[in-house]
C-alpha atoms as a PDB file:
ATOM      1  CA  MET A   1    -108.990 -97.294 -75.757  1.00  0.00           C
ATOM      2  CA  LEU A   2    -111.667 -95.095 -77.551  1.00  0.00           C
ATOM      3  CA  ARG A   3    -114.374 -96.595 -75.030  1.00  0.00           C
ATOM      4  CA  GLU A   4    -112.236 -95.611 -72.173  1.00  0.00           C
ATOM      5  CA  ILE A   5    -111.328 -92.025 -73.602  1.00  0.00           C
ATOM      6  CA  PHE A   6    -114.844 -90.605 -74.480  1.00  0.00           C
ATOM      7  CA  VAL A   7    -117.027 -93.054 -71.485  1.00  0.00           C
ATOM      8  CA  PRO A   8    -114.559 -92.736 -68.576  1.00  0.00           C
ATOM      9  CA  HIS A   9    -116.529 -95.503 -66.006  1.00  0.00           C
ATOM     10  CA  SER A  10    -115.910 -97.980 -63.940  1.00  0.00           C
ATOM     11  CA  HIS A  11    -117.701 -99.792 -61.314  1.00  0.00           C
ATOM     12  CA  ASP A  12    -114.716-102.218 -59.795  1.00  0.00           C
ATOM     13  CA  PRO A  13    -114.934-103.239 -56.866  1.00  0.00           C
ATOM     14  CA  ALA A  14    -110.912-103.208 -56.458  1.00  0.00           C
ATOM     15  CA  ASP A  15    -110.542 -99.661 -57.789  1.00  0.00           C
ATOM     16  CA  LYS A  16    -111.543 -97.902 -54.230  1.00  0.00           C
ATOM     17  CA  VAL A  17    -110.104 -96.572 -51.329  1.00  0.00           C
ATOM     18  CA  ASP A  18    -112.911 -96.250 -48.850  1.00  0.00           C
ATOM     19  CA  ASP A  19    -110.514 -93.827 -46.324  1.00  0.00           C
ATOM     20  CA  ALA A  20    -111.779 -90.461 -46.391  1.00  0.00           C
ATOM     21  CA  LEU A  21    -109.001 -88.611 -45.214  1.00  0.00           C
ATOM     22  CA  GLU A  22    -106.629 -91.018 -47.622  1.00  0.00           C
ATOM     23  CA  ALA A  23    -108.931 -90.422 -50.492  1.00  0.00           C
ATOM     24  CA  GLY A  24    -108.182 -86.294 -50.164  1.00  0.00           C
ATOM     25  CA  SER A  25    -104.672 -87.229 -49.667  1.00  0.00           C
ATOM     26  CA  ILE A  26    -104.253 -89.024 -52.885  1.00  0.00           C
ATOM     27  CA  GLY A  27    -106.716 -86.298 -54.582  1.00  0.00           C
ATOM     28  CA  ILE A  28    -104.147 -83.481 -53.872  1.00  0.00           C
ATOM     29  CA  ARG A  29    -101.542 -85.869 -54.736  1.00  0.00           C
ATOM     30  CA  ALA A  30    -103.152 -86.447 -57.935  1.00  0.00           C
ATOM     31  CA  VAL A  31    -103.655 -82.140 -58.615  1.00  0.00           C
ATOM     32  CA  LYS A  32    -100.221 -81.729 -57.750  1.00  0.00           C
ATOM     33  CA  ILE A  33     -98.535 -84.275 -60.142  1.00  0.00           C
ATOM     34  CA  SER A  34    -100.767 -83.088 -62.996  1.00  0.00           C
ATOM     35  CA  LEU A  35     -99.957 -80.032 -62.475  1.00  0.00           C
ATOM     36  CA  ALA A  36     -95.940 -80.660 -62.873  1.00  0.00           C
ATOM     37  CA  VAL A  37     -96.706 -82.532 -66.054  1.00  0.00           C
ATOM     38  CA  LEU A  38     -98.563 -80.342 -67.952  1.00  0.00           C
ATOM     39  CA  GLY A  39     -96.649 -77.051 -66.400  1.00  0.00           C
ATOM     40  CA  CYS A  40     -93.540 -79.053 -68.114  1.00  0.00           C
ATOM     41  CA  THR A  41     -95.646 -79.655 -71.113  1.00  0.00           C
ATOM     42  CA  ALA A  42     -95.753 -76.015 -71.541  1.00  0.00           C
ATOM     43  CA  MET A  43     -92.631 -75.165 -70.778  1.00  0.00           C
ATOM     44  CA  LEU A  44     -91.471 -77.010 -73.529  1.00  0.00           C
ATOM     45  CA  GLN A  45     -94.322 -75.941 -76.082  1.00  0.00           C
ATOM     46  CA  VAL A  46     -92.165 -72.603 -74.835  1.00  0.00           C
ATOM     47  CA  VAL A  47     -89.256 -74.017 -76.565  1.00  0.00           C
ATOM     48  CA  VAL A  48     -90.736 -74.829 -79.233  1.00  0.00           C
ATOM     49  CA  VAL A  49     -91.824 -71.550 -79.093  1.00  0.00           C
ATOM     50  CA  VAL A  50     -88.176 -68.973 -79.240  1.00  0.00           C
ATOM     51  CA  VAL A  51     -87.255 -71.541 -82.033  1.00  0.00           C
ATOM     52  CA  SER A  52     -89.843 -70.708 -84.007  1.00  0.00           C
ATOM     53  CA  GLY A  53     -91.411 -67.231 -83.286  1.00  0.00           C
ATOM     54  CA  SER A  54     -93.939 -68.643 -83.787  1.00  0.00           C
ATOM     55  CA  VAL A  55     -96.209 -66.120 -82.585  1.00  0.00           C
ATOM     56  CA  ALA A  56     -99.224 -68.434 -82.904  1.00  0.00           C
ATOM     57  CA  LEU A  57     -97.801 -71.313 -81.227  1.00  0.00           C
ATOM     58  CA  ALA A  58     -97.037 -68.291 -78.064  1.00  0.00           C
ATOM     59  CA  ALA A  59    -101.191 -68.216 -77.744  1.00  0.00           C
ATOM     60  CA  ASP A  60    -101.760 -71.615 -77.596  1.00  0.00           C
ATOM     61  CA  THR A  61     -98.858 -72.089 -75.336  1.00  0.00           C
ATOM     62  CA  ILE A  62    -100.139 -68.857 -73.392  1.00  0.00           C
ATOM     63  CA  HIS A  63    -103.805 -70.887 -73.124  1.00  0.00           C
ATOM     64  CA  ASN A  64    -102.614 -74.235 -71.754  1.00  0.00           C
ATOM     65  CA  PHE A  65    -100.376 -72.283 -69.048  1.00  0.00           C
ATOM     66  CA  SER A  66    -103.587 -71.090 -68.500  1.00  0.00           C
ATOM     67  CA  ASP A  67    -105.301 -73.929 -68.084  1.00  0.00           C
ATOM     68  CA  ALA A  68    -103.287 -75.800 -65.980  1.00  0.00           C
ATOM     69  CA  LEU A  69    -104.411 -73.505 -63.522  1.00  0.00           C
ATOM     70  CA  THR A  70    -107.982 -74.512 -63.360  1.00  0.00           C
ATOM     71  CA  ALA A  71    -106.755 -77.206 -61.094  1.00  0.00           C
ATOM     72  CA  VAL A  72    -105.726 -74.742 -58.811  1.00  0.00           C
ATOM     73  CA  PRO A  73    -109.433 -74.460 -57.543  1.00  0.00           C
ATOM     74  CA  LEU A  74    -110.240 -78.387 -57.057  1.00  0.00           C
ATOM     75  CA  TRP A  75    -106.838 -78.398 -55.076  1.00  0.00           C
ATOM     76  CA  ILE A  76    -108.631 -76.285 -52.665  1.00  0.00           C
ATOM     77  CA  ALA A  77    -112.115 -77.827 -53.020  1.00  0.00           C
ATOM     78  CA  PHE A  78    -109.024 -81.446 -51.557  1.00  0.00           C
ATOM     79  CA  VAL A  79    -107.848 -79.336 -48.592  1.00  0.00           C
ATOM     80  CA  LEU A  80    -111.091 -78.023 -47.812  1.00  0.00           C
ATOM     81  CA  GLY A  81    -113.286 -80.835 -47.520  1.00  0.00           C
ATOM     82  CA  ARG A  82    -111.187 -82.425 -45.447  1.00  0.00           C
ATOM     83  CA  ARG A  83    -111.033 -79.455 -42.898  1.00  0.00           C
ATOM     84  CA  ALA A  84    -113.792 -80.541 -40.079  1.00  0.00           C
ATOM     85  CA  ALA A  85    -117.389 -79.961 -40.065  1.00  0.00           C
ATOM     86  CA  THR A  86    -118.317 -77.136 -38.239  1.00  0.00           C
ATOM     87  CA  ARG A  87    -121.714 -75.663 -36.548  1.00  0.00           C
ATOM     88  CA  ARG A  88    -122.459 -74.197 -39.449  1.00  0.00           C
ATOM     89  CA  TYR A  89    -121.389 -76.813 -42.391  1.00  0.00           C
ATOM     90  CA  THR A  90    -122.193 -79.124 -39.994  1.00  0.00           C
ATOM     91  CA  TYR A  91    -121.993 -82.464 -43.184  1.00  0.00           C
ATOM     92  CA  GLY A  92    -118.071 -80.936 -43.247  1.00  0.00           C
ATOM     93  CA  PHE A  93    -116.602 -78.855 -46.707  1.00  0.00           C
ATOM     94  CA  GLY A  94    -117.141 -82.383 -49.013  1.00  0.00           C
ATOM     95  CA  ARG A  95    -119.437 -79.421 -51.310  1.00  0.00           C
ATOM     96  CA  ALA A  96    -116.617 -77.478 -52.385  1.00  0.00           C
ATOM     97  CA  GLU A  97    -115.568 -80.265 -54.704  1.00  0.00           C
ATOM     98  CA  ASP A  98    -118.638 -81.049 -56.224  1.00  0.00           C
ATOM     99  CA  LEU A  99    -118.316 -76.918 -57.136  1.00  0.00           C
ATOM    100  CA  ALA A 100    -114.803 -77.080 -58.307  1.00  0.00           C
ATOM    101  CA  GLY A 101    -116.519 -79.844 -60.768  1.00  0.00           C
ATOM    102  CA  LEU A 102    -118.679 -76.935 -61.985  1.00  0.00           C
ATOM    103  CA  PHE A 103    -115.841 -74.747 -62.064  1.00  0.00           C
ATOM    104  CA  VAL A 104    -114.046 -77.180 -64.510  1.00  0.00           C
ATOM    105  CA  VAL A 105    -116.936 -78.175 -66.437  1.00  0.00           C
ATOM    106  CA  GLY A 106    -117.827 -74.777 -67.742  1.00  0.00           C
ATOM    107  CA  MET A 107    -113.667 -74.119 -69.194  1.00  0.00           C
ATOM    108  CA  ILE A 108    -114.564 -77.932 -71.051  1.00  0.00           C
ATOM    109  CA  ALA A 109    -117.542 -75.721 -72.811  1.00  0.00           C
ATOM    110  CA  LEU A 110    -115.276 -72.649 -73.396  1.00  0.00           C
ATOM    111  CA  SER A 111    -112.909 -74.249 -74.496  1.00  0.00           C
ATOM    112  CA  ALA A 112    -115.675 -76.146 -77.048  1.00  0.00           C
ATOM    113  CA  LEU A 113    -116.710 -72.086 -77.757  1.00  0.00           C
ATOM    114  CA  ILE A 114    -112.949 -71.458 -78.996  1.00  0.00           C
ATOM    115  CA  ALA A 115    -112.328 -73.689 -80.465  1.00  0.00           C
ATOM    116  CA  GLY A 116    -115.712 -74.134 -83.006  1.00  0.00           C
ATOM    117  CA  TYR A 117    -115.422 -70.477 -83.912  1.00  0.00           C
ATOM    118  CA  GLU A 118    -111.659 -70.196 -84.293  1.00  0.00           C
ATOM    119  CA  ALA A 119    -112.180 -73.418 -86.691  1.00  0.00           C
ATOM    120  CA  VAL A 120    -115.479 -70.992 -88.153  1.00  0.00           C
ATOM    121  CA  ARG A 121    -112.906 -67.943 -88.495  1.00  0.00           C
ATOM    122  CA  ARG A 122    -110.163 -69.606 -90.312  1.00  0.00           C
ATOM    123  CA  LEU A 123    -112.449 -71.273 -92.595  1.00  0.00           C
ATOM    124  CA  ILE A 124    -113.944 -67.985 -93.532  1.00  0.00           C
ATOM    125  CA  ASP A 125    -110.378 -66.244 -93.477  1.00  0.00           C
ATOM    126  CA  PRO A 126    -107.846 -68.821 -94.013  1.00  0.00           C
ATOM    127  CA  VAL A 127    -104.637 -67.799 -91.920  1.00  0.00           C
ATOM    128  CA  PRO A 128    -101.786 -68.656 -93.432  1.00  0.00           C
ATOM    129  CA  ILE A 129     -99.804 -71.420 -90.794  1.00  0.00           C
ATOM    130  CA  GLN A 130     -95.830 -70.716 -91.059  1.00  0.00           C
ATOM    131  CA  HIS A 131     -92.948 -72.828 -88.716  1.00  0.00           C
ATOM    132  CA  LEU A 132     -95.304 -76.170 -90.068  1.00  0.00           C
ATOM    133  CA  GLY A 133     -92.578 -78.548 -88.233  1.00  0.00           C
ATOM    134  CA  ALA A 134     -92.013 -76.602 -85.245  1.00  0.00           C
ATOM    135  CA  VAL A 135     -96.421 -76.103 -84.987  1.00  0.00           C
ATOM    136  CA  ALA A 136     -96.459 -80.173 -85.232  1.00  0.00           C
ATOM    137  CA  ALA A 137     -93.469 -80.550 -82.859  1.00  0.00           C
ATOM    138  CA  ALA A 138     -95.574 -78.132 -80.329  1.00  0.00           C
ATOM    139  CA  GLY A 139     -99.156 -80.167 -81.055  1.00  0.00           C
ATOM    140  CA  VAL A 140     -96.994 -84.038 -80.879  1.00  0.00           C
ATOM    141  CA  ILE A 141     -95.849 -82.245 -76.586  1.00  0.00           C
ATOM    142  CA  GLY A 142     -99.130 -80.856 -76.080  1.00  0.00           C
ATOM    143  CA  PHE A 143    -101.016 -83.974 -76.695  1.00  0.00           C
ATOM    144  CA  LEU A 144     -99.210 -86.533 -75.013  1.00  0.00           C
ATOM    145  CA  GLY A 145     -98.941 -84.004 -71.995  1.00  0.00           C
ATOM    146  CA  ASN A 146    -102.556 -83.340 -71.529  1.00  0.00           C
ATOM    147  CA  GLU A 147    -103.374 -87.064 -72.403  1.00  0.00           C
ATOM    148  CA  THR A 148    -101.190 -88.602 -69.540  1.00  0.00           C
ATOM    149  CA  VAL A 149    -102.199 -86.201 -66.953  1.00  0.00           C
ATOM    150  CA  ALA A 150    -105.866 -86.649 -68.510  1.00  0.00           C
ATOM    151  CA  LEU A 151    -105.436 -90.497 -68.084  1.00  0.00           C
ATOM    152  CA  TYR A 152    -104.108 -90.000 -65.229  1.00  0.00           C
ATOM    153  CA  ARG A 153    -106.663 -87.547 -63.179  1.00  0.00           C
ATOM    154  CA  ILE A 154    -109.524 -89.874 -64.432  1.00  0.00           C
ATOM    155  CA  ARG A 155    -108.056 -93.242 -62.912  1.00  0.00           C
ATOM    156  CA  VAL A 156    -107.727 -91.031 -59.623  1.00  0.00           C
ATOM    157  CA  GLY A 157    -110.314 -89.690 -59.363  1.00  0.00           C
ATOM    158  CA  ARG A 158    -112.665 -93.069 -59.948  1.00  0.00           C
ATOM    159  CA  ARG A 159    -110.727 -94.677 -57.158  1.00  0.00           C
ATOM    160  CA  ILE A 160    -111.906 -91.953 -54.944  1.00  0.00           C
ATOM    161  CA  GLY A 161    -115.222 -91.551 -55.957  1.00  0.00           C
ATOM    162  CA  SER A 162    -114.331 -87.619 -56.960  1.00  0.00           C
ATOM    163  CA  ALA A 163    -116.502 -86.514 -60.013  1.00  0.00           C
ATOM    164  CA  ALA A 164    -115.171 -83.296 -60.194  1.00  0.00           C
ATOM    165  CA  LEU A 165    -111.173 -85.037 -60.301  1.00  0.00           C
ATOM    166  CA  VAL A 166    -112.775 -87.304 -63.378  1.00  0.00           C
ATOM    167  CA  ALA A 167    -114.523 -84.369 -64.947  1.00  0.00           C
ATOM    168  CA  ASP A 168    -110.315 -82.120 -64.975  1.00  0.00           C
ATOM    169  CA  GLY A 169    -109.258 -84.957 -66.607  1.00  0.00           C
ATOM    170  CA  LEU A 170    -111.851 -84.316 -69.164  1.00  0.00           C
ATOM    171  CA  HIS A 171    -110.739 -80.999 -69.223  1.00  0.00           C
ATOM    172  CA  ALA A 172    -107.048 -82.009 -69.884  1.00  0.00           C
ATOM    173  CA  ARG A 173    -108.402 -84.033 -72.684  1.00  0.00           C
ATOM    174  CA  THR A 174    -109.969 -81.553 -74.259  1.00  0.00           C
ATOM    175  CA  ASP A 175    -107.444 -79.709 -74.232  1.00  0.00           C
ATOM    176  CA  GLY A 176    -105.591 -82.423 -75.888  1.00  0.00           C
ATOM    177  CA  PHE A 177    -107.657 -82.699 -78.627  1.00  0.00           C
ATOM    178  CA  THR A 178    -106.892 -79.683 -79.500  1.00  0.00           C
ATOM    179  CA  SER A 179    -103.526 -79.885 -79.928  1.00  0.00           C
ATOM    180  CA  LEU A 180    -104.082 -82.530 -82.085  1.00  0.00           C
ATOM    181  CA  ALA A 181    -105.872 -80.376 -84.025  1.00  0.00           C
ATOM    182  CA  VAL A 182    -102.418 -78.794 -84.531  1.00  0.00           C
ATOM    183  CA  LEU A 183    -100.274 -81.722 -85.340  1.00  0.00           C
ATOM    184  CA  PHE A 184    -103.250 -83.245 -87.837  1.00  0.00           C
ATOM    185  CA  GLY A 185    -104.267 -79.613 -89.518  1.00  0.00           C
ATOM    186  CA  ALA A 186    -100.299 -78.747 -89.326  1.00  0.00           C
ATOM    187  CA  GLY A 187    -100.114 -82.117 -91.577  1.00  0.00           C
ATOM    188  CA  GLY A 188    -102.483 -81.391 -94.138  1.00  0.00           C
ATOM    189  CA  VAL A 189    -101.363 -78.075 -94.841  1.00  0.00           C
ATOM    190  CA  ALA A 190     -98.150 -79.475 -95.211  1.00  0.00           C
ATOM    191  CA  LEU A 191    -100.027 -82.036 -98.157  1.00  0.00           C
ATOM    192  CA  GLY A 192    -101.228 -79.168-100.005  1.00  0.00           C
ATOM    193  CA  PHE A 193    -104.669 -78.891 -98.549  1.00  0.00           C
ATOM    194  CA  PRO A 194    -105.132 -74.779 -96.622  1.00  0.00           C
ATOM    195  CA  LEU A 195    -108.655 -75.692 -94.990  1.00  0.00           C
ATOM    196  CA  ALA A 196    -107.751 -79.304 -92.855  1.00  0.00           C
ATOM    197  CA  ASP A 197    -106.872 -76.914 -89.378  1.00  0.00           C
ATOM    198  CA  PRO A 198    -109.958 -75.434 -89.748  1.00  0.00           C
ATOM    199  CA  LEU A 199    -111.675 -78.262 -90.894  1.00  0.00           C
ATOM    200  CA  VAL A 200    -109.645 -80.606 -88.131  1.00  0.00           C
ATOM    201  CA  GLY A 201    -110.806 -78.164 -85.659  1.00  0.00           C
ATOM    202  CA  LEU A 202    -114.505 -78.277 -86.484  1.00  0.00           C
ATOM    203  CA  LEU A 203    -113.995 -81.909 -86.206  1.00  0.00           C
ATOM    204  CA  ILE A 204    -112.747 -81.831 -82.594  1.00  0.00           C
ATOM    205  CA  THR A 205    -115.283 -78.925 -81.131  1.00  0.00           C
ATOM    206  CA  VAL A 206    -117.592 -81.753 -81.293  1.00  0.00           C
ATOM    207  CA  ALA A 207    -115.427 -84.136 -79.822  1.00  0.00           C
ATOM    208  CA  ILE A 208    -114.819 -81.639 -76.624  1.00  0.00           C
ATOM    209  CA  LEU A 209    -119.055 -81.130 -77.016  1.00  0.00           C
ATOM    210  CA  ALA A 210    -119.258 -85.376 -76.179  1.00  0.00           C
ATOM    211  CA  VAL A 211    -116.387 -84.653 -73.600  1.00  0.00           C
ATOM    212  CA  LEU A 212    -118.829 -82.191 -71.918  1.00  0.00           C
ATOM    213  CA  ARG A 213    -122.186 -83.516 -72.136  1.00  0.00           C
ATOM    214  CA  ILE A 214    -119.701 -86.790 -70.245  1.00  0.00           C
ATOM    215  CA  ALA A 215    -118.162 -84.369 -67.828  1.00  0.00           C
ATOM    216  CA  ALA A 216    -121.430 -81.846 -67.299  1.00  0.00           C
ATOM    217  CA  ARG A 217    -124.122 -84.719 -66.404  1.00  0.00           C
ATOM    218  CA  ASP A 218    -121.213 -86.792 -63.761  1.00  0.00           C
ATOM    219  CA  VAL A 219    -120.948 -83.057 -61.905  1.00  0.00           C
ATOM    220  CA  PHE A 220    -124.812 -82.390 -62.360  1.00  0.00           C
ATOM    221  CA  ARG A 221    -125.741 -85.187 -60.484  1.00  0.00           C
ATOM    222  CA  ARG A 222    -123.682 -85.143 -58.118  1.00  0.00           C
ATOM    223  CA  LEU A 223    -124.605 -81.611 -57.687  1.00  0.00           C
ATOM    224  CA  MET A 224    -128.968 -83.270 -57.064  1.00  0.00           C
ATOM    225  CA  ASP A 225    -127.628 -85.916 -54.617  1.00  0.00           C
ATOM    226  CA  GLY A 226    -127.663 -88.199 -56.992  1.00  0.00           C
ATOM    227  CA  VAL A 227    -126.236 -91.689 -56.508  1.00  0.00           C
ATOM    228  CA  GLU A 228    -125.810 -94.713 -59.322  1.00  0.00           C
ATOM    229  CA  PRO A 229    -128.897 -97.023 -58.498  1.00  0.00           C
ATOM    230  CA  ALA A 230    -126.535-100.356 -58.222  1.00  0.00           C
ATOM    231  CA  LEU A 231    -125.093 -99.115 -55.262  1.00  0.00           C
ATOM    232  CA  VAL A 232    -128.881 -98.640 -53.733  1.00  0.00           C
ATOM    233  CA  SER A 233    -129.218-101.938 -54.650  1.00  0.00           C
ATOM    234  CA  SER A 234    -126.645-103.363 -52.932  1.00  0.00           C
ATOM    235  CA  ALA A 235    -127.282-101.929 -49.567  1.00  0.00           C
ATOM    236  CA  GLU A 236    -130.744-102.700 -49.917  1.00  0.00           C
ATOM    237  CA  ARG A 237    -130.543-106.003 -50.856  1.00  0.00           C
ATOM    238  CA  ALA A 238    -127.620-106.550 -47.712  1.00  0.00           C
ATOM    239  CA  LEU A 239    -129.751-104.240 -45.580  1.00  0.00           C
ATOM    240  CA  ALA A 240    -132.756-106.665 -45.902  1.00  0.00           C
ATOM    241  CA  GLY A 241    -130.674-109.946 -45.650  1.00  0.00           C
ATOM    242  CA  SER A 242    -129.561-108.969 -42.227  1.00  0.00           C
ATOM    243  CA  SER A 243    -130.836-110.541 -39.053  1.00  0.00           C
ATOM    244  CA  GLY A 244    -134.160-109.007 -37.720  1.00  0.00           C
ATOM    245  CA  VAL A 245    -134.533-106.572 -40.916  1.00  0.00           C
ATOM    246  CA  LEU A 246    -137.986-107.774 -41.806  1.00  0.00           C
ATOM    247  CA  GLY A 247    -138.052-104.746 -44.125  1.00  0.00           C
ATOM    248  CA  VAL A 248    -136.599-101.791 -46.218  1.00  0.00           C
ATOM    249  CA  ARG A 249    -138.996 -99.097 -45.632  1.00  0.00           C
ATOM    250  CA  SER A 250    -136.668 -96.170 -47.515  1.00  0.00           C
ATOM    251  CA  LEU A 251    -133.459 -95.793 -48.736  1.00  0.00           C
ATOM    252  CA  ARG A 252    -131.668 -92.444 -49.823  1.00  0.00           C
ATOM    253  CA  MET A 253    -127.601 -92.299 -50.124  1.00  0.00           C
ATOM    254  CA  ARG A 254    -126.277 -88.835 -51.139  1.00  0.00           C
ATOM    255  CA  TRP A 255    -122.259 -88.006 -52.168  1.00  0.00           C
ATOM    256  CA  ILE A 256    -120.860 -84.723 -50.459  1.00  0.00           C
ATOM    257  CA  GLY A 257    -118.137 -83.836 -52.351  1.00  0.00           C
ATOM    258  CA  HIS A 258    -116.232 -87.919 -53.049  1.00  0.00           C
ATOM    259  CA  ARG A 259    -118.515 -89.432 -49.972  1.00  0.00           C
ATOM    260  CA  LEU A 260    -121.379 -91.178 -49.870  1.00  0.00           C
ATOM    261  CA  HIS A 261    -124.055 -90.688 -46.694  1.00  0.00           C
ATOM    262  CA  ALA A 262    -126.477 -92.872 -46.355  1.00  0.00           C
ATOM    263  CA  ASP A 263    -130.367 -92.308 -44.292  1.00  0.00           C
ATOM    264  CA  VAL A 264    -132.336 -95.475 -43.525  1.00  0.00           C
ATOM    265  CA  GLU A 265    -135.764 -96.603 -42.301  1.00  0.00           C
ATOM    266  CA  LEU A 266    -136.142-100.309 -41.704  1.00  0.00           C
ATOM    267  CA  ASP A 267    -139.221-102.419 -40.528  1.00  0.00           C
ATOM    268  CA  ILE A 268    -138.028-104.643 -37.548  1.00  0.00           C
ATOM    269  CA  ALA A 269    -140.185-106.575 -35.429  1.00  0.00           C
ATOM    270  CA  SER A 270    -142.826-104.801 -32.866  1.00  0.00           C
ATOM    271  CA  THR A 271    -142.096-107.387 -29.527  1.00  0.00           C
ATOM    272  CA  ILE A 272    -138.725-106.606 -29.517  1.00  0.00           C
ATOM    273  CA  THR A 273    -137.010-104.464 -26.228  1.00  0.00           C
ATOM    274  CA  LEU A 274    -135.238-100.990 -27.551  1.00  0.00           C
ATOM    275  CA  ALA A 275    -131.981-102.283 -26.587  1.00  0.00           C
ATOM    276  CA  GLU A 276    -132.655-104.551 -29.150  1.00  0.00           C
ATOM    277  CA  ALA A 277    -134.052-102.637 -31.802  1.00  0.00           C
ATOM    278  CA  HIS A 278    -130.932-100.085 -31.137  1.00  0.00           C
ATOM    279  CA  ARG A 279    -128.694-103.586 -31.550  1.00  0.00           C
ATOM    280  CA  LEU A 280    -130.105-103.849 -35.163  1.00  0.00           C
ATOM    281  CA  ALA A 281    -129.577-100.229 -36.126  1.00  0.00           C
ATOM    282  CA  HIS A 282    -126.102-100.681 -35.302  1.00  0.00           C
ATOM    283  CA  GLU A 283    -125.698-104.047 -36.868  1.00  0.00           C
ATOM    284  CA  ALA A 284    -127.282-102.521 -39.613  1.00  0.00           C
ATOM    285  CA  GLU A 285    -125.247 -99.438 -39.792  1.00  0.00           C
ATOM    286  CA  HIS A 286    -122.305-101.827 -39.958  1.00  0.00           C
ATOM    287  CA  THR A 287    -123.225-104.078 -42.552  1.00  0.00           C
ATOM    288  CA  LEU A 288    -123.583-100.483 -45.032  1.00  0.00           C
ATOM    289  CA  VAL A 289    -120.274 -99.266 -44.109  1.00  0.00           C
ATOM    290  CA  HIS A 290    -119.121-102.562 -45.365  1.00  0.00           C
ATOM    291  CA  VAL A 291    -120.940-103.214 -48.890  1.00  0.00           C
ATOM    292  CA  VAL A 292    -121.113 -99.816 -50.055  1.00  0.00           C
ATOM    293  CA  PRO A 293    -117.591 -98.372 -50.967  1.00  0.00           C
ATOM    294  CA  ARG A 294    -116.457 -94.471 -49.917  1.00  0.00           C
ATOM    295  CA  LEU A 295    -119.828 -94.492 -46.906  1.00  0.00           C
ATOM    296  CA  ASP A 296    -118.885 -91.780 -44.449  1.00  0.00           C
ATOM    297  CA  THR A 297    -121.964 -92.281 -42.174  1.00  0.00           C
ATOM    298  CA  ALA A 298    -125.163 -94.352 -42.479  1.00  0.00           C
ATOM    299  CA  VAL A 299    -128.143 -92.819 -39.949  1.00  0.00           C
ATOM    300  CA  VAL A 300    -130.709 -95.617 -39.279  1.00  0.00           C
ATOM    301  CA  HIS A 301    -134.038 -95.275 -37.988  1.00  0.00           C
ATOM    302  CA  ALA A 302    -135.889 -98.785 -37.043  1.00  0.00           C
ATOM    303  CA  TYR A 303    -139.305 -98.563 -36.470  1.00  0.00           C
ATOM    304  CA  PRO A 304    -142.109-101.479 -35.130  1.00  0.00           C
ATOM    305  CA  ALA A 305    -142.938-102.911 -38.690  1.00  0.00           C
ATOM    306  CA  HIS A 306    -147.305-102.327 -37.763  1.00  0.00           C
ATOM    307  CA  ALA A 307    -146.747 -98.668 -37.607  1.00  0.00           C
ATOM    308  CA  SER A 308    -147.747 -96.359 -40.378  1.00  0.00           C
END
């Protein structure tokens, strides 16, 4: 369970969606459902705020509302990604999803900054916590709601190949960590240890930074056209084993949103006809589409083996 929380990654071939439109629809549905769950979580916290009259809880509830709305840019990105390519944007609009992931990474970094600042501030200038029962209840509600959304977003993000959706799931997880800090801090205060609140806050800040590292790594890899080496290796093996292919000169792949694109150069026999070369290139493209999950397009160039 801890590995799933801190290293949310999978290479399970059964855990894939290959159709571009279906993947986009699944992503939009995931954003809608998670927004609804986070909205209900925040509303339950509002009830606790009203009952307890705690100003601190009111501020935390407003924070949760605002964090829930950070999924809106990702929703817009999924909608844009379904638009057809134009003469200006010849690769389509899938890159909007990666840019939304960059925004999510920024929000996780902001969460770490705020959590760390508040923890240090309360260590220097302790603030008494009132309504401990209400604070603990709000912490439980916030953690359960955010962690449920985190697991769902990460699962769907891995399934459709969306680094941005996985990052947004990690963002929800950081909010769950914050709520957990509220719960543990309230428990420590109730047991007569008032510094428990800021100390737990510091530990949560470290946990958020660990999550930030994973999210930033995955999103920046997408922006830098990084792909999993295992995908490249499997594609090269499939191409090298194709009939008529003497060697793979080069293979380049890149993610655009949650779809892969490939550019391949193959060595073929110099004695075959142009029609046969075209057939080999078409078969190689067909092989790639079936071997590489979520591959949208493949451009295959066939060269006579003796050419430089």
